[in-house]
Amino acid sequence: MLLLFGLSGCSLAAGFEEAAECFDGADNDADGAYDCDDSDCAQLADCAASDDDDSSPADDDDSSPADDDDSSPADD
C-alpha cells in the first residue's frame, strides 16, 4: 500500500505542483514553454482537452504570453 501511494505522485517532475504551475501563465521551469505547452503539463486532462495551438492571428485566449494582448472582446 505504501509503495502504491509513493508512486502515485510521480507522474510529474519532482517538485512540480500541477494546480499551481500548469495554469498560472508562467514558465515555472524556465524551459521556454508555458502552462499546457510545457511537456510537464501536456499530459493533464485539462491541457489535452484545450487543444490550443496558438496559430490563429485572432487567438487571444492568454494560453501563452504571445497572445496576452487583451485586444479581443472574447479574450479570456
PDB file of N, CA and C in Angstrom:
ATOM      1  N   MET A   1       0.823  -1.184   0.000  1.00  0.00           N
ATOM      2  CA  MET A   1       0.000   0.000   0.000  1.00  0.00           C
ATOM      3  C   MET A   1       0.875   1.258   0.000  1.00  0.00           C
ATOM      4  N   LEU A   2       1.897   1.264   0.792  1.00  0.00           N
ATOM      5  CA  LEU A   2       2.796   2.415   0.848  1.00  0.00           C
ATOM      6  C   LEU A   2       3.475   2.633  -0.500  1.00  0.00           C
ATOM      7  N   LEU A   3       3.862   1.552  -1.149  1.00  0.00           N
ATOM      8  CA  LEU A   3       4.504   1.660  -2.453  1.00  0.00           C
ATOM      9  C   LEU A   3       3.568   2.300  -3.476  1.00  0.00           C
ATOM     10  N   LEU A   4       2.311   1.893  -3.504  1.00  0.00           N
ATOM     11  CA  LEU A   4       1.359   2.477  -4.442  1.00  0.00           C
ATOM     12  C   LEU A   4       1.147   3.961  -4.174  1.00  0.00           C
ATOM     13  N   PHE A   5       1.052   4.337  -2.916  1.00  0.00           N
ATOM     14  CA  PHE A   5       0.885   5.745  -2.573  1.00  0.00           C
ATOM     15  C   PHE A   5       2.119   6.543  -2.994  1.00  0.00           C
ATOM     16  N   GLY A   6       3.275   5.994  -2.778  1.00  0.00           N
ATOM     17  CA  GLY A   6       4.522   6.672  -3.127  1.00  0.00           C
ATOM     18  C   GLY A   6       4.669   6.878  -4.620  1.00  0.00           C
ATOM     19  N   LEU A   7       4.217   5.938  -5.419  1.00  0.00           N
ATOM     20  CA  LEU A   7       4.344   6.045  -6.867  1.00  0.00           C
ATOM     21  C   LEU A   7       3.264   6.920  -7.485  1.00  0.00           C
ATOM     22  N   SER A   8       2.147   7.093  -6.804  1.00  0.00           N
ATOM     23  CA  SER A   8       1.041   7.846  -7.388  1.00  0.00           C
ATOM     24  C   SER A   8       1.400   9.308  -7.640  1.00  0.00           C
ATOM     25  N   GLY A   9       2.320   9.865  -6.915  1.00  0.00           N
ATOM     26  CA  GLY A   9       2.691  11.261  -7.093  1.00  0.00           C
ATOM     27  C   GLY A   9       3.851  11.472  -8.035  1.00  0.00           C
ATOM     28  N   CYS A  10       4.264  10.454  -8.756  1.00  0.00           N
ATOM     29  CA  CYS A  10       5.463  10.547  -9.588  1.00  0.00           C
ATOM     30  C   CYS A  10       5.169  10.816 -11.058  1.00  0.00           C
ATOM     31  N   SER A  11       3.954  11.147 -11.417  1.00  0.00           N
ATOM     32  CA  SER A  11       3.640  11.333 -12.823  1.00  0.00           C
ATOM     33  C   SER A  11       4.200  12.638 -13.382  1.00  0.00           C
ATOM     34  N   LEU A  12       4.454  13.609 -12.546  1.00  0.00           N
ATOM     35  CA  LEU A  12       5.034  14.869 -12.987  1.00  0.00           C
ATOM     36  C   LEU A  12       6.436  15.007 -12.418  1.00  0.00           C
ATOM     37  N   ALA A  13       7.193  15.929 -12.924  1.00  0.00           N
ATOM     38  CA  ALA A  13       8.568  16.141 -12.462  1.00  0.00           C
ATOM     39  C   ALA A  13       8.602  16.401 -10.960  1.00  0.00           C
ATOM     40  N   ALA A  14       9.678  16.006 -10.338  1.00  0.00           N
ATOM     41  CA  ALA A  14       9.828  16.184  -8.890  1.00  0.00           C
ATOM     42  C   ALA A  14       9.678  17.651  -8.515  1.00  0.00           C
ATOM     43  N   GLY A  15       8.892  17.915  -7.483  1.00  0.00           N
ATOM     44  CA  GLY A  15       8.687  19.275  -7.024  1.00  0.00           C
ATOM     45  C   GLY A  15       7.685  20.065  -7.844  1.00  0.00           C
ATOM     46  N   PHE A  16       7.057  19.446  -8.805  1.00  0.00           N
ATOM     47  CA  PHE A  16       6.122  20.113  -9.700  1.00  0.00           C
ATOM     48  C   PHE A  16       4.726  20.076  -9.101  1.00  0.00           C
ATOM     49  N   GLU A  17       4.101  21.229  -8.935  1.00  0.00           N
ATOM     50  CA  GLU A  17       2.760  21.306  -8.373  1.00  0.00           C
ATOM     51  C   GLU A  17       1.781  21.661  -9.483  1.00  0.00           C
ATOM     52  N   GLU A  18       1.010  20.654  -9.927  1.00  0.00           N
ATOM     53  CA  GLU A  18       0.111  20.801 -11.064  1.00  0.00           C
ATOM     54  C   GLU A  18      -0.794  22.033 -10.977  1.00  0.00           C
ATOM     55  N   ALA A  19      -1.565  22.165  -9.930  1.00  0.00           N
ATOM     56  CA  ALA A  19      -2.523  23.268  -9.834  1.00  0.00           C
ATOM     57  C   ALA A  19      -1.826  24.622  -9.834  1.00  0.00           C
ATOM     58  N   ALA A  20      -0.704  24.700  -9.206  1.00  0.00           N
ATOM     59  CA  ALA A  20      -0.005  25.976  -9.095  1.00  0.00           C
ATOM     60  C   ALA A  20       0.799  26.318 -10.339  1.00  0.00           C
ATOM     61  N   GLU A  21       1.259  25.332 -11.078  1.00  0.00           N
ATOM     62  CA  GLU A  21       2.213  25.601 -12.150  1.00  0.00           C
ATOM     63  C   GLU A  21       1.721  25.333 -13.568  1.00  0.00           C
ATOM     64  N   CYS A  22       0.652  24.596 -13.741  1.00  0.00           N
ATOM     65  CA  CYS A  22       0.191  24.294 -15.096  1.00  0.00           C
ATOM     66  C   CYS A  22      -0.830  25.295 -15.620  1.00  0.00           C
ATOM     67  N   PHE A  23      -1.296  26.172 -14.780  1.00  0.00           N
ATOM     68  CA  PHE A  23      -2.332  27.110 -15.198  1.00  0.00           C
ATOM     69  C   PHE A  23      -2.096  28.508 -14.640  1.00  0.00           C
ATOM     70  N   ASP A  24      -0.826  28.891 -14.481  1.00  0.00           N
ATOM     71  CA  ASP A  24      -0.534  30.190 -13.867  1.00  0.00           C
ATOM     72  C   ASP A  24       0.047  31.212 -14.840  1.00  0.00           C
ATOM     73  N   GLY A  25       0.173  30.864 -16.120  1.00  0.00           N
ATOM     74  CA  GLY A  25       0.688  31.803 -17.107  1.00  0.00           C
ATOM     75  C   GLY A  25       2.167  32.078 -16.998  1.00  0.00           C
ATOM     76  N   ALA A  26       2.899  31.189 -16.324  1.00  0.00           N
ATOM     77  CA  ALA A  26       4.336  31.395 -16.130  1.00  0.00           C
ATOM     78  C   ALA A  26       5.134  30.200 -16.641  1.00  0.00           C
ATOM     79  N   ASP A  27       6.377  30.446 -16.983  1.00  0.00           N
ATOM     80  CA  ASP A  27       7.310  29.386 -17.367  1.00  0.00           C
ATOM     81  C   ASP A  27       8.050  28.974 -16.098  1.00  0.00           C
ATOM     82  N   ASN A  28       7.446  28.112 -15.311  1.00  0.00           N
ATOM     83  CA  ASN A  28       7.950  27.778 -13.988  1.00  0.00           C
ATOM     84  C   ASN A  28       9.278  27.037 -13.985  1.00  0.00           C
ATOM     85  N   ASP A  29       9.579  26.288 -15.040  1.00  0.00           N
ATOM     86  CA  ASP A  29      10.832  25.545 -15.056  1.00  0.00           C
ATOM     87  C   ASP A  29      11.839  26.124 -16.052  1.00  0.00           C
ATOM     88  N   ALA A  30      11.564  27.326 -16.548  1.00  0.00           N
ATOM     89  CA  ALA A  30      12.479  28.070 -17.426  1.00  0.00           C
ATOM     90  C   ALA A  30      12.924  27.284 -18.655  1.00  0.00           C
ATOM     91  N   ASP A  31      11.976  26.526 -19.254  1.00  0.00           N
ATOM     92  CA  ASP A  31      12.308  25.788 -20.466  1.00  0.00           C
ATOM     93  C   ASP A  31      11.726  26.438 -21.716  1.00  0.00           C
ATOM     94  N   GLY A  32      11.119  27.617 -21.557  1.00  0.00           N
ATOM     95  CA  GLY A  32      10.562  28.338 -22.690  1.00  0.00           C
ATOM     96  C   GLY A  32       9.124  27.979 -23.011  1.00  0.00           C
ATOM     97  N   ALA A  33       8.540  27.027 -22.295  1.00  0.00           N
ATOM     98  CA  ALA A  33       7.160  26.600 -22.531  1.00  0.00           C
ATOM     99  C   ALA A  33       6.287  26.991 -21.341  1.00  0.00           C
ATOM    100  N   TYR A  34       5.108  27.483 -21.650  1.00  0.00           N
ATOM    101  CA  TYR A  34       4.191  27.963 -20.617  1.00  0.00           C
ATOM    102  C   TYR A  34       2.991  27.031 -20.480  1.00  0.00           C
ATOM    103  N   ASP A  35       2.614  26.740 -19.260  1.00  0.00           N
ATOM    104  CA  ASP A  35       1.406  26.010 -18.907  1.00  0.00           C
ATOM    105  C   ASP A  35       1.197  24.757 -19.768  1.00  0.00           C
ATOM    106  N   CYS A  36       0.090  24.653 -20.485  1.00  0.00           N
ATOM    107  CA  CYS A  36      -0.210  23.431 -21.236  1.00  0.00           C
ATOM    108  C   CYS A  36       0.767  23.172 -22.375  1.00  0.00           C
ATOM    109  N   ASP A  37       1.520  24.182 -22.795  1.00  0.00           N
ATOM    110  CA  ASP A  37       2.542  23.973 -23.820  1.00  0.00           C
ATOM    111  C   ASP A  37       3.794  23.319 -23.247  1.00  0.00           C
ATOM    112  N   ASP A  38       3.912  23.290 -21.928  1.00  0.00           N
ATOM    113  CA  ASP A  38       5.052  22.673 -21.250  1.00  0.00           C
ATOM    114  C   ASP A  38       4.861  21.158 -21.229  1.00  0.00           C
ATOM    115  N   SER A  39       5.900  20.411 -21.542  1.00  0.00           N
ATOM    116  CA  SER A  39       5.800  18.948 -21.567  1.00  0.00           C
ATOM    117  C   SER A  39       5.429  18.371 -20.208  1.00  0.00           C
ATOM    118  N   ASP A  40       5.737  19.090 -19.129  1.00  0.00           N
ATOM    119  CA  ASP A  40       5.365  18.616 -17.798  1.00  0.00           C
ATOM    120  C   ASP A  40       3.862  18.691 -17.564  1.00  0.00           C
ATOM    121  N   CYS A  41       3.165  19.523 -18.311  1.00  0.00           N
ATOM    122  CA  CYS A  41       1.722  19.696 -18.129  1.00  0.00           C
ATOM    123  C   CYS A  41       0.901  19.070 -19.253  1.00  0.00           C
ATOM    124  N   ALA A  42       1.496  18.826 -20.392  1.00  0.00           N
ATOM    125  CA  ALA A  42       0.768  18.413 -21.585  1.00  0.00           C
ATOM    126  C   ALA A  42      -0.084  17.166 -21.398  1.00  0.00           C
ATOM    127  N   GLN A  43       0.316  16.259 -20.516  1.00  0.00           N
ATOM    128  CA  GLN A  43      -0.438  15.021 -20.339  1.00  0.00           C
ATOM    129  C   GLN A  43      -1.662  15.186 -19.450  1.00  0.00           C
ATOM    130  N   LEU A  44      -1.845  16.320 -18.829  1.00  0.00           N
ATOM    131  CA  LEU A  44      -3.002  16.552 -17.968  1.00  0.00           C
ATOM    132  C   LEU A  44      -4.275  16.634 -18.797  1.00  0.00           C
ATOM    133  N   ALA A  45      -5.370  16.110 -18.265  1.00  0.00           N
ATOM    134  CA  ALA A  45      -6.640  16.094 -18.989  1.00  0.00           C
ATOM    135  C   ALA A  45      -7.085  17.500 -19.386  1.00  0.00           C
ATOM    136  N   ASP A  46      -6.931  18.474 -18.505  1.00  0.00           N
ATOM    137  CA  ASP A  46      -7.349  19.844 -18.823  1.00  0.00           C
ATOM    138  C   ASP A  46      -6.534  20.433 -19.967  1.00  0.00           C
ATOM    139  N   CYS A  47      -5.292  20.041 -20.092  1.00  0.00           N
ATOM    140  CA  CYS A  47      -4.455  20.541 -21.181  1.00  0.00           C
ATOM    141  C   CYS A  47      -4.777  19.831 -22.488  1.00  0.00           C
ATOM    142  N   ALA A  48      -4.947  18.538 -22.445  1.00  0.00           N
ATOM    143  CA  ALA A  48      -5.244  17.769 -23.651  1.00  0.00           C
ATOM    144  C   ALA A  48      -6.582  18.192 -24.245  1.00  0.00           C
ATOM    145  N   ALA A  49      -7.531  18.537 -23.402  1.00  0.00           N
ATOM    146  CA  ALA A  49      -8.858  18.921 -23.867  1.00  0.00           C
ATOM    147  C   ALA A  49      -8.872  20.297 -24.515  1.00  0.00           C
ATOM    148  N   SER A  50      -7.934  21.154 -24.167  1.00  0.00           N
ATOM    149  CA  SER A  50      -7.956  22.520 -24.688  1.00  0.00           C
ATOM    150  C   SER A  50      -7.552  22.587 -26.151  1.00  0.00           C
ATOM    151  N   ASP A  51      -6.636  21.720 -26.599  1.00  0.00           N
ATOM    152  CA  ASP A  51      -6.193  21.651 -27.989  1.00  0.00           C
ATOM    153  C   ASP A  51      -5.964  23.042 -28.587  1.00  0.00           C
ATOM    154  N   ASP A  52      -5.251  23.895 -27.911  1.00  0.00           N
ATOM    155  CA  ASP A  52      -4.990  25.255 -28.356  1.00  0.00           C
ATOM    156  C   ASP A  52      -3.590  25.326 -28.954  1.00  0.00           C
ATOM    157  N   ASP A  53      -3.525  25.509 -30.270  1.00  0.00           N
ATOM    158  CA  ASP A  53      -2.214  25.543 -30.909  1.00  0.00           C
ATOM    159  C   ASP A  53      -1.675  26.964 -31.085  1.00  0.00           C
ATOM    160  N   ASP A  54      -2.429  27.966 -30.689  1.00  0.00           N
ATOM    161  CA  ASP A  54      -1.995  29.363 -30.747  1.00  0.00           C
ATOM    162  C   ASP A  54      -1.564  29.811 -32.143  1.00  0.00           C
ATOM    163  N   SER A  55      -2.077  29.177 -33.194  1.00  0.00           N
ATOM    164  CA  SER A  55      -1.620  29.514 -34.537  1.00  0.00           C
ATOM    165  C   SER A  55      -2.483  30.565 -35.231  1.00  0.00           C
ATOM    166  N   SER A  56      -3.655  30.830 -34.739  1.00  0.00           N
ATOM    167  CA  SER A  56      -4.546  31.790 -35.369  1.00  0.00           C
ATOM    168  C   SER A  56      -4.185  33.219 -34.964  1.00  0.00           C
ATOM    169  N   PRO A  57      -4.166  34.150 -35.923  1.00  0.00           N
ATOM    170  CA  PRO A  57      -3.883  35.548 -35.566  1.00  0.00           C
ATOM    171  C   PRO A  57      -4.920  36.120 -34.590  1.00  0.00           C
ATOM    172  N   ALA A  58      -6.115  35.548 -34.585  1.00  0.00           N
ATOM    173  CA  ALA A  58      -7.173  36.025 -33.692  1.00  0.00           C
ATOM    174  C   ALA A  58      -7.113  35.369 -32.318  1.00  0.00           C
ATOM    175  N   ASP A  59      -6.147  34.480 -32.111  1.00  0.00           N
ATOM    176  CA  ASP A  59      -6.034  33.790 -30.828  1.00  0.00           C
ATOM    177  C   ASP A  59      -5.596  34.777 -29.758  1.00  0.00           C
ATOM    178  N   ASP A  60      -6.468  35.018 -28.819  1.00  0.00           N
ATOM    179  CA  ASP A  60      -6.165  35.944 -27.728  1.00  0.00           C
ATOM    180  C   ASP A  60      -6.736  35.378 -26.430  1.00  0.00           C
ATOM    181  N   ASP A  61      -6.443  34.111 -26.172  1.00  0.00           N
ATOM    182  CA  ASP A  61      -7.026  33.449 -25.003  1.00  0.00           C
ATOM    183  C   ASP A  61      -6.071  33.371 -23.822  1.00  0.00           C
ATOM    184  N   ASP A  62      -4.942  34.023 -23.914  1.00  0.00           N
ATOM    185  CA  ASP A  62      -3.958  34.076 -22.834  1.00  0.00           C
ATOM    186  C   ASP A  62      -3.345  32.720 -22.493  1.00  0.00           C
ATOM    187  N   SER A  63      -3.374  31.768 -23.413  1.00  0.00           N
ATOM    188  CA  SER A  63      -2.770  30.470 -23.130  1.00  0.00           C
ATOM    189  C   SER A  63      -1.258  30.495 -23.302  1.00  0.00           C
ATOM    190  N   SER A  64      -0.748  31.543 -23.888  1.00  0.00           N
ATOM    191  CA  SER A  64       0.695  31.739 -23.972  1.00  0.00           C
ATOM    192  C   SER A  64       0.963  33.245 -23.912  1.00  0.00           C
ATOM    193  N   PRO A  65       2.162  33.639 -23.518  1.00  0.00           N
ATOM    194  CA  PRO A  65       2.461  35.072 -23.401  1.00  0.00           C
ATOM    195  C   PRO A  65       2.254  35.839 -24.709  1.00  0.00           C
ATOM    196  N   ALA A  66       2.438  35.167 -25.844  1.00  0.00           N
ATOM    197  CA  ALA A  66       2.314  35.837 -27.132  1.00  0.00           C
ATOM    198  C   ALA A  66       0.895  36.300 -27.421  1.00  0.00           C
ATOM    199  N   ASP A  67      -0.118  35.632 -26.847  1.00  0.00           N
ATOM    200  CA  ASP A  67      -1.485  36.057 -27.138  1.00  0.00           C
ATOM    201  C   ASP A  67      -2.160  36.706 -25.931  1.00  0.00           C
ATOM    202  N   ASP A  68      -1.385  37.403 -25.142  1.00  0.00           N
ATOM    203  CA  ASP A  68      -1.911  38.114 -23.981  1.00  0.00           C
ATOM    204  C   ASP A  68      -1.914  39.618 -24.255  1.00  0.00           C
ATOM    205  N   ASP A  69      -2.726  40.033 -25.239  1.00  0.00           N
ATOM    206  CA  ASP A  69      -2.771  41.464 -25.539  1.00  0.00           C
ATOM    207  C   ASP A  69      -4.101  42.106 -25.151  1.00  0.00           C
ATOM    208  N   ASP A  70      -5.065  41.301 -24.749  1.00  0.00           N
ATOM    209  CA  ASP A  70      -6.363  41.782 -24.272  1.00  0.00           C
ATOM    210  C   ASP A  70      -7.071  42.717 -25.254  1.00  0.00           C
ATOM    211  N   SER A  71      -6.817  42.565 -26.548  1.00  0.00           N
ATOM    212  CA  SER A  71      -7.453  43.433 -27.537  1.00  0.00           C
ATOM    213  C   SER A  71      -8.773  42.875 -28.050  1.00  0.00           C
ATOM    214  N   SER A  72      -9.042  41.621 -27.781  1.00  0.00           N
ATOM    215  CA  SER A  72     -10.254  40.987 -28.270  1.00  0.00           C
ATOM    216  C   SER A  72     -11.337  40.977 -27.199  1.00  0.00           C
ATOM    217  N   PRO A  73     -12.581  41.327 -27.563  1.00  0.00           N
ATOM    218  CA  PRO A  73     -13.670  41.275 -26.580  1.00  0.00           C
ATOM    219  C   PRO A  73     -13.904  39.857 -26.051  1.00  0.00           C
ATOM    220  N   ALA A  74     -13.514  38.857 -26.833  1.00  0.00           N
ATOM    221  CA  ALA A  74     -13.705  37.468 -26.421  1.00  0.00           C
ATOM    222  C   ALA A  74     -12.535  36.940 -25.597  1.00  0.00           C
ATOM    223  N   ASP A  75     -11.581  37.806 -25.287  1.00  0.00           N
ATOM    224  CA  ASP A  75     -10.399  37.397 -24.527  1.00  0.00           C
ATOM    225  C   ASP A  75     -10.796  36.816 -23.179  1.00  0.00           C
ATOM    226  N   ASP A  76     -10.192  35.675 -22.840  1.00  0.00           N
ATOM    227  CA  ASP A  76     -10.474  35.030 -21.546  1.00  0.00           C
ATOM    228  C   ASP A  76      -9.833  35.830 -20.437  1.00  0.00           C
TER     229      ASP A  76
END
